[in-house]
Amino acid sequence: MSAVTPIAAPTATSTDILRDQFAGHIINALIIAPRQPGIARLDVDGMARSAYEYADAMLRARSP
């Protein structure tokens, strides 16, 4: 049996972690948002993309 070399996980920066935390909170809001007449809900991939777009905007707003 040969030894398996583990693959190193990418190192996350504090900004990456904060971005993921923001996106996690945002997607919760997107999932529970009430349906509105005439407005189509996003699919799961669309919600994920939107969550990260909002998270990126929040990070930009924090920058001086």
C-alpha atoms as a PDB file:
ATOM      1  CA  MET A   1       0.000   0.000   0.000  1.00  0.00           C
ATOM      2  CA  SER A   2       1.450   3.354  -0.984  1.00  0.00           C
ATOM      3  CA  ALA A   3       1.267   6.467   1.103  1.00  0.00           C
ATOM      4  CA  VAL A   4      -1.218   9.063  -0.052  1.00  0.00           C
ATOM      5  CA  THR A   5       0.045  12.604  -0.131  1.00  0.00           C
ATOM      6  CA  PRO A   6      -2.618  14.938   1.250  1.00  0.00           C
ATOM      7  CA  ILE A   7      -3.571  17.907  -0.865  1.00  0.00           C
ATOM      8  CA  ALA A   8      -3.122  21.168   0.978  1.00  0.00           C
ATOM      9  CA  ALA A   9      -6.270  23.190   1.305  1.00  0.00           C
ATOM     10  CA  PRO A  10      -6.046  26.740   0.033  1.00  0.00           C
ATOM     11  CA  THR A  11      -5.318  29.222   2.767  1.00  0.00           C
ATOM     12  CA  ALA A  12      -8.234  31.551   3.360  1.00  0.00           C
ATOM     13  CA  THR A  13      -7.574  35.156   4.227  1.00  0.00           C
ATOM     14  CA  SER A  14      -9.618  37.011   6.808  1.00  0.00           C
ATOM     15  CA  THR A  15     -11.320  38.818   3.918  1.00  0.00           C
ATOM     16  CA  ASP A  16     -12.300  35.475   2.350  1.00  0.00           C
ATOM     17  CA  ILE A  17     -13.739  34.305   5.644  1.00  0.00           C
ATOM     18  CA  LEU A  18     -15.683  37.525   6.168  1.00  0.00           C
ATOM     19  CA  ARG A  19     -16.972  37.343   2.575  1.00  0.00           C
ATOM     20  CA  ASP A  20     -18.235  33.789   3.174  1.00  0.00           C
ATOM     21  CA  GLN A  21     -19.866  34.846   6.442  1.00  0.00           C
ATOM     22  CA  PHE A  22     -21.624  37.780   4.757  1.00  0.00           C
ATOM     23  CA  ALA A  23     -22.790  35.551   1.881  1.00  0.00           C
ATOM     24  CA  GLY A  24     -24.090  32.953   4.326  1.00  0.00           C
ATOM     25  CA  HIS A  25     -26.246  35.500   6.113  1.00  0.00           C
ATOM     26  CA  ILE A  26     -27.454  37.018   2.854  1.00  0.00           C
ATOM     27  CA  ILE A  27     -28.470  33.713   1.293  1.00  0.00           C
ATOM     28  CA  ASN A  28     -30.608  32.990   4.360  1.00  0.00           C
ATOM     29  CA  ALA A  29     -32.520  36.184   3.673  1.00  0.00           C
ATOM     30  CA  LEU A  30     -32.847  35.352  -0.033  1.00  0.00           C
ATOM     31  CA  ILE A  31     -34.215  31.883   0.722  1.00  0.00           C
ATOM     32  CA  ILE A  32     -36.891  33.074   3.139  1.00  0.00           C
ATOM     33  CA  ALA A  33     -37.833  36.203   1.167  1.00  0.00           C
ATOM     34  CA  PRO A  34     -41.538  36.199   0.375  1.00  0.00           C
ATOM     35  CA  ARG A  35     -42.638  35.781  -3.207  1.00  0.00           C
ATOM     36  CA  GLN A  36     -43.772  38.958  -4.885  1.00  0.00           C
ATOM     37  CA  PRO A  37     -46.270  39.044  -7.738  1.00  0.00           C
ATOM     38  CA  GLY A  38     -44.603  39.600 -11.101  1.00  0.00           C
ATOM     39  CA  ILE A  39     -41.064  38.974  -9.788  1.00  0.00           C
ATOM     40  CA  ALA A  40     -39.492  35.613 -10.533  1.00  0.00           C
ATOM     41  CA  ARG A  41     -37.504  34.002  -7.727  1.00  0.00           C
ATOM     42  CA  LEU A  42     -33.888  33.160  -8.416  1.00  0.00           C
ATOM     43  CA  ASP A  43     -32.862  29.545  -8.756  1.00  0.00           C
ATOM     44  CA  VAL A  44     -30.347  28.135  -6.281  1.00  0.00           C
ATOM     45  CA  ASP A  45     -27.309  29.102  -8.377  1.00  0.00           C
ATOM     46  CA  GLY A  46     -28.740  32.589  -8.887  1.00  0.00           C
ATOM     47  CA  MET A  47     -29.239  32.988  -5.141  1.00  0.00           C
ATOM     48  CA  ALA A  48     -25.645  31.923  -4.483  1.00  0.00           C
ATOM     49  CA  ARG A  49     -24.291  34.375  -7.070  1.00  0.00           C
ATOM     50  CA  SER A  50     -26.444  37.180  -5.671  1.00  0.00           C
ATOM     51  CA  ALA A  51     -25.348  36.433  -2.112  1.00  0.00           C
ATOM     52  CA  TYR A  52     -21.697  36.829  -3.092  1.00  0.00           C
ATOM     53  CA  GLU A  53     -22.446  39.969  -5.114  1.00  0.00           C
ATOM     54  CA  TYR A  54     -24.025  41.511  -2.014  1.00  0.00           C
ATOM     55  CA  ALA A  55     -21.134  40.291   0.143  1.00  0.00           C
ATOM     56  CA  ASP A  56     -18.630  41.866  -2.255  1.00  0.00           C
ATOM     57  CA  ALA A  57     -20.558  45.147  -2.104  1.00  0.00           C
ATOM     58  CA  MET A  58     -20.492  45.005   1.702  1.00  0.00           C
ATOM     59  CA  LEU A  59     -16.714  44.502   1.656  1.00  0.00           C
ATOM     60  CA  ARG A  60     -16.287  47.431  -0.733  1.00  0.00           C
ATOM     61  CA  ALA A  61     -18.382  49.600   1.589  1.00  0.00           C
ATOM     62  CA  ARG A  62     -16.001  48.746   4.450  1.00  0.00           C
ATOM     63  CA  SER A  63     -12.950  49.889   2.490  1.00  0.00           C
ATOM     64  CA  PRO A  64     -11.714  53.409   3.128  1.00  0.00           C
END
